[in-house]
Amino acid sequence: MLCASKPKKDKPKRLKPNGILSFSDHHMKENEIESNVTSRRLFRLLRKGKRTYSFLKGE
């Protein structure tokens, strides 16, 4: 899981073609998370859990 407020220090990794980007961030509001991740159409919302959002690569 990736926390949007803490960038990873290691090398960036590529998401597999059918991979899922999943993260939670307690600093951002629900509408901010969804709009920030989907705004460039690179990802689309797959499901929203209690505290975690899961996105698929956009098509």
C-alpha atoms as a PDB file:
ATOM      1  CA  MET A   1       0.000   0.000   0.000  1.00  0.00           C
ATOM      2  CA  LEU A   2       1.194   3.508  -0.807  1.00  0.00           C
ATOM      3  CA  CYS A   3       0.658   6.521   1.420  1.00  0.00           C
ATOM      4  CA  ALA A   4       0.290   9.653  -0.735  1.00  0.00           C
ATOM      5  CA  SER A   5       1.676  11.896   2.009  1.00  0.00           C
ATOM      6  CA  LYS A   6       4.948   9.947   2.270  1.00  0.00           C
ATOM      7  CA  PRO A   7       6.762   9.568  -1.060  1.00  0.00           C
ATOM      8  CA  LYS A   8       8.768   6.398  -1.452  1.00  0.00           C
ATOM      9  CA  LYS A   9      12.534   6.901  -1.461  1.00  0.00           C
ATOM     10  CA  ASP A  10      13.392   3.888  -3.576  1.00  0.00           C
ATOM     11  CA  LYS A  11      13.265   3.724  -7.374  1.00  0.00           C
ATOM     12  CA  PRO A  12       9.836   4.268  -8.913  1.00  0.00           C
ATOM     13  CA  LYS A  13       8.144   1.050  -9.964  1.00  0.00           C
ATOM     14  CA  ARG A  14       5.911   0.368 -12.920  1.00  0.00           C
ATOM     15  CA  LEU A  15       2.430  -0.930 -12.429  1.00  0.00           C
ATOM     16  CA  LYS A  16       1.720  -4.143 -14.315  1.00  0.00           C
ATOM     17  CA  PRO A  17      -0.889  -3.826 -17.111  1.00  0.00           C
ATOM     18  CA  ASN A  18      -3.728  -5.162 -14.934  1.00  0.00           C
ATOM     19  CA  GLY A  19      -2.158  -4.000 -11.678  1.00  0.00           C
ATOM     20  CA  ILE A  20      -4.036  -2.140  -8.977  1.00  0.00           C
ATOM     21  CA  LEU A  21      -2.862   1.088  -7.357  1.00  0.00           C
ATOM     22  CA  SER A  22      -4.117   1.018  -3.775  1.00  0.00           C
ATOM     23  CA  PHE A  23      -3.508   3.625  -1.090  1.00  0.00           C
ATOM     24  CA  SER A  24      -4.933   5.563   1.816  1.00  0.00           C
ATOM     25  CA  ASP A  25      -4.251   9.103   2.957  1.00  0.00           C
ATOM     26  CA  HIS A  26      -5.772  10.529   6.115  1.00  0.00           C
ATOM     27  CA  HIS A  27      -4.770  14.095   5.144  1.00  0.00           C
ATOM     28  CA  MET A  28      -6.876  14.348   1.980  1.00  0.00           C
ATOM     29  CA  LYS A  29     -10.648  14.497   1.697  1.00  0.00           C
ATOM     30  CA  GLU A  30     -12.558  11.851  -0.246  1.00  0.00           C
ATOM     31  CA  ASN A  31     -13.239  14.088  -3.263  1.00  0.00           C
ATOM     32  CA  GLU A  32      -9.582  15.233  -3.366  1.00  0.00           C
ATOM     33  CA  ILE A  33      -8.257  11.679  -3.488  1.00  0.00           C
ATOM     34  CA  GLU A  34     -10.536  10.614  -6.306  1.00  0.00           C
ATOM     35  CA  SER A  35     -10.074  13.767  -8.411  1.00  0.00           C
ATOM     36  CA  ASN A  36      -6.290  13.926  -7.957  1.00  0.00           C
ATOM     37  CA  VAL A  37      -5.733  10.312  -8.977  1.00  0.00           C
ATOM     38  CA  THR A  38      -8.215  10.251 -11.878  1.00  0.00           C
ATOM     39  CA  SER A  39      -7.787  13.799 -13.271  1.00  0.00           C
ATOM     40  CA  ARG A  40      -5.213  12.837 -15.928  1.00  0.00           C
ATOM     41  CA  ARG A  41      -7.159   9.677 -16.790  1.00  0.00           C
ATOM     42  CA  LEU A  42      -4.163   7.500 -15.980  1.00  0.00           C
ATOM     43  CA  PHE A  43      -6.234   5.641 -13.392  1.00  0.00           C
ATOM     44  CA  ARG A  44      -9.911   4.920 -12.777  1.00  0.00           C
ATOM     45  CA  LEU A  45     -11.532   4.116  -9.458  1.00  0.00           C
ATOM     46  CA  LEU A  46     -12.013   0.384  -8.972  1.00  0.00           C
ATOM     47  CA  ARG A  47     -13.352   0.334  -5.421  1.00  0.00           C
ATOM     48  CA  LYS A  48     -13.475   2.400  -2.290  1.00  0.00           C
ATOM     49  CA  GLY A  49     -12.965   0.617   1.007  1.00  0.00           C
ATOM     50  CA  LYS A  50     -13.400   1.946   4.507  1.00  0.00           C
ATOM     51  CA  ARG A  51      -9.966   3.630   4.443  1.00  0.00           C
ATOM     52  CA  THR A  52      -8.396   2.501   1.181  1.00  0.00           C
ATOM     53  CA  TYR A  53      -8.949   3.479  -2.456  1.00  0.00           C
ATOM     54  CA  SER A  54      -8.079   1.106  -5.290  1.00  0.00           C
ATOM     55  CA  PHE A  55      -7.527   2.256  -8.867  1.00  0.00           C
ATOM     56  CA  LEU A  56      -6.908   0.477 -12.173  1.00  0.00           C
ATOM     57  CA  LYS A  57      -4.757   1.873 -14.942  1.00  0.00           C
ATOM     58  CA  GLY A  58      -6.875   4.032 -17.272  1.00  0.00           C
ATOM     59  CA  GLU A  59      -7.633   2.922 -20.787  1.00  0.00           C
END
